[in-house]
């Protein structure tokens, strides 16, 4: 039991935040930011570190990330100044595409709109993850908001 506690304390001392993207890192920059094979002109903006792990597990995304550390939530007292949005904006001169992957809820949408507004001075393409029906879903069990989002986000076949 003591060994486990000591290991957890050592882990806490070794792990910090990447100075560029705010992902977890043992060094100043995380492994993703240091990887020369990744597309540094594409940044996926996520709410939390766990979201980076989810994208990495998918295996389809090969750009960089930016972890906000939360979303704007005035009711909870979380403002843009509480998040890593200013650091993101400082990265934009070298960015071609910003993929906003904040949660599909009021706070996530508010955060996305704020980032879009702050990004206006830069010639960056801004995209948002599509919303809609999950694979294998049945329409009869789908809520109206999800169905409406899927309908407005439909694509040509």
Protein backbone atom coordinates (compact mmCIF):
# COMPACT_ATOMS: atom_id res chain seq x y z
CA UNK A 1 0.00 0.00 0.00
CA UNK A 2 2.86 2.36 0.83
CA UNK A 3 4.51 1.61 -2.54
CA UNK A 4 1.31 2.55 -4.35
CA UNK A 5 1.05 5.83 -2.45
CA UNK A 6 4.69 6.63 -3.20
CA UNK A 7 4.18 5.80 -6.89
CA UNK A 8 1.16 8.13 -7.06
CA UNK A 9 3.13 10.94 -5.41
CA UNK A 10 6.02 10.43 -7.83
CA UNK A 11 3.59 10.50 -10.75
CA UNK A 12 2.08 13.75 -9.48
CA UNK A 13 5.55 15.29 -9.29
CA UNK A 14 6.56 14.12 -12.80
CA UNK A 15 3.41 14.97 -14.75
CA UNK A 16 2.54 18.54 -15.65
CA UNK A 17 0.96 20.54 -18.46
CA UNK A 18 2.40 20.99 -21.93
CA UNK A 19 3.32 24.66 -22.23
CA UNK A 20 1.87 24.83 -25.76
CA UNK A 21 -1.33 22.75 -25.81
CA UNK A 22 -2.02 22.10 -22.07
CA UNK A 23 -2.11 18.33 -22.54
CA UNK A 24 -0.44 16.18 -19.88
CA UNK A 25 3.31 15.99 -20.22
CA UNK A 26 6.45 14.95 -18.38
CA UNK A 27 8.43 17.62 -20.25
CA UNK A 28 7.83 21.25 -21.25
CA UNK A 29 6.17 20.06 -24.48
CA UNK A 30 4.07 16.89 -24.76
CA UNK A 31 4.85 14.01 -27.13
CA UNK A 32 2.15 15.15 -29.57
CA UNK A 33 3.54 18.70 -29.84
CA UNK A 34 7.05 17.29 -30.34
CA UNK A 35 6.06 14.75 -33.01
CA UNK A 36 7.31 16.08 -36.40
CA UNK A 37 4.95 13.72 -38.29
CA UNK A 38 1.87 15.56 -36.99
CA UNK A 39 0.25 18.46 -38.86
CA UNK A 40 1.07 21.52 -36.75
CA UNK A 41 -1.14 23.75 -38.94
CA UNK A 42 -4.27 21.92 -37.73
CA UNK A 43 -5.44 22.25 -34.13
CA UNK A 44 -8.32 20.38 -32.53
CA UNK A 45 -9.73 22.38 -29.61
CA UNK A 46 -11.03 20.18 -26.78
CA UNK A 47 -12.45 20.80 -23.32
CA UNK A 48 -10.26 18.44 -21.29
CA UNK A 49 -7.25 16.11 -21.47
CA UNK A 50 -9.49 13.04 -21.62
CA UNK A 51 -10.82 14.32 -24.96
CA UNK A 52 -7.29 14.15 -26.41
CA UNK A 53 -7.07 10.50 -25.37
CA UNK A 54 -10.42 9.77 -27.05
CA UNK A 55 -9.29 11.39 -30.33
CA UNK A 56 -5.98 9.54 -30.20
CA UNK A 57 -7.77 6.22 -29.68
CA UNK A 58 -9.81 6.95 -32.83
CA UNK A 59 -6.58 6.99 -34.86
CA UNK A 60 -7.89 9.27 -37.62
CA UNK A 61 -6.64 12.67 -36.44
CA UNK A 62 -2.99 13.59 -37.04
CA UNK A 63 -2.85 17.26 -36.09
CA UNK A 64 -2.16 19.03 -32.83
CA UNK A 65 -4.49 19.80 -29.93
CA UNK A 66 -5.38 22.61 -27.60
CA UNK A 67 -6.92 21.73 -24.22
CA UNK A 68 -9.08 24.57 -22.90
CA UNK A 69 -9.36 23.24 -19.36
CA UNK A 70 -13.15 23.64 -19.33
CA UNK A 71 -15.87 25.58 -21.11
CA UNK A 72 -17.38 29.01 -20.56
CA UNK A 73 -20.14 28.72 -17.97
CA UNK A 74 -21.32 32.02 -16.46
CA UNK A 75 -23.68 30.20 -14.07
CA UNK A 76 -20.67 28.34 -12.64
CA UNK A 77 -18.51 31.46 -12.66
CA UNK A 78 -16.23 30.19 -15.46
CA UNK A 79 -15.24 32.98 -17.84
CA UNK A 80 -12.93 32.98 -20.88
CA UNK A 81 -10.14 34.25 -18.61
CA UNK A 82 -10.38 31.00 -16.61
CA UNK A 83 -9.61 28.92 -19.70
CA UNK A 84 -6.62 28.57 -22.05
CA UNK A 85 -8.30 30.58 -24.82
CA UNK A 86 -5.71 33.38 -24.90
CA UNK A 87 -2.97 30.76 -25.43
CA UNK A 88 -4.98 29.32 -28.32
CA UNK A 89 -5.38 32.72 -29.98
CA UNK A 90 -1.59 33.26 -29.73
CA UNK A 91 -1.11 30.05 -31.75
CA UNK A 92 -3.39 31.11 -34.62
CA UNK A 93 -0.86 32.94 -36.85
CA UNK A 94 0.65 29.54 -37.70
CA UNK A 95 -2.65 27.65 -38.01
CA UNK A 96 -4.54 26.74 -41.19
CA UNK A 97 -7.54 24.95 -39.61
CA UNK A 98 -9.10 25.05 -36.18
CA UNK A 99 -11.40 22.12 -35.39
CA UNK A 100 -13.66 22.96 -32.48
CA UNK A 101 -14.59 19.83 -30.55
CA UNK A 102 -16.24 21.37 -27.49
CA UNK A 103 -19.26 19.51 -26.04
CA UNK A 104 -22.57 19.78 -27.94
CA UNK A 105 -24.35 21.73 -25.21
CA UNK A 106 -25.00 25.37 -24.30
CA UNK A 107 -21.61 25.88 -22.61
CA UNK A 108 -19.72 24.16 -25.42
CA UNK A 109 -21.55 26.23 -28.04
CA UNK A 110 -20.89 29.44 -26.10
CA UNK A 111 -17.21 28.57 -25.90
CA UNK A 112 -17.09 27.73 -29.63
CA UNK A 113 -18.74 31.03 -30.57
CA UNK A 114 -16.34 32.96 -28.35
CA UNK A 115 -13.35 31.27 -30.01
CA UNK A 116 -14.77 32.00 -33.47
CA UNK A 117 -15.17 35.67 -32.56
CA UNK A 118 -11.63 35.88 -31.16
CA UNK A 119 -10.28 34.19 -34.31
CA UNK A 120 -11.73 36.72 -36.77
CA UNK A 121 -8.45 38.65 -37.29
CA UNK A 122 -6.71 35.48 -38.52
CA UNK A 123 -7.08 33.74 -41.91
CA UNK A 124 -7.91 30.39 -40.33
CA UNK A 125 -10.54 27.90 -41.45
CA UNK A 126 -12.78 27.04 -38.49
CA UNK A 127 -14.78 23.84 -38.42
CA UNK A 128 -16.92 22.16 -35.78
CA UNK A 129 -17.52 18.48 -35.25
CA UNK A 130 -20.74 17.30 -36.88
CA UNK A 131 -23.65 16.36 -34.67
CA UNK A 132 -26.29 13.79 -35.19
CA UNK A 133 -27.22 10.18 -34.86
CA UNK A 134 -24.70 7.68 -33.51
CA UNK A 135 -23.90 4.53 -35.48
CA UNK A 136 -26.61 1.93 -34.96
CA UNK A 137 -29.15 4.39 -33.54
CA UNK A 138 -32.88 3.97 -34.05
CA UNK A 139 -34.96 7.07 -34.83
CA UNK A 140 -37.64 6.03 -32.37
CA UNK A 141 -35.18 6.42 -29.46
CA UNK A 142 -33.63 9.70 -30.64
CA UNK A 143 -34.45 12.99 -28.91
CA UNK A 144 -35.71 15.93 -30.98
CA UNK A 145 -32.56 18.05 -30.58
CA UNK A 146 -30.28 15.27 -31.82
CA UNK A 147 -32.59 14.49 -34.73
CA UNK A 148 -32.80 18.19 -35.68
CA UNK A 149 -29.01 18.46 -35.57
CA UNK A 150 -28.63 15.35 -37.73
CA UNK A 151 -31.18 16.73 -40.19
CA UNK A 152 -29.48 20.13 -40.55
CA UNK A 153 -26.04 18.47 -40.81
CA UNK A 154 -27.04 16.01 -43.52
CA UNK A 155 -24.62 15.34 -46.39
CA UNK A 156 -24.94 14.36 -50.04
CA UNK A 157 -24.56 10.70 -50.99
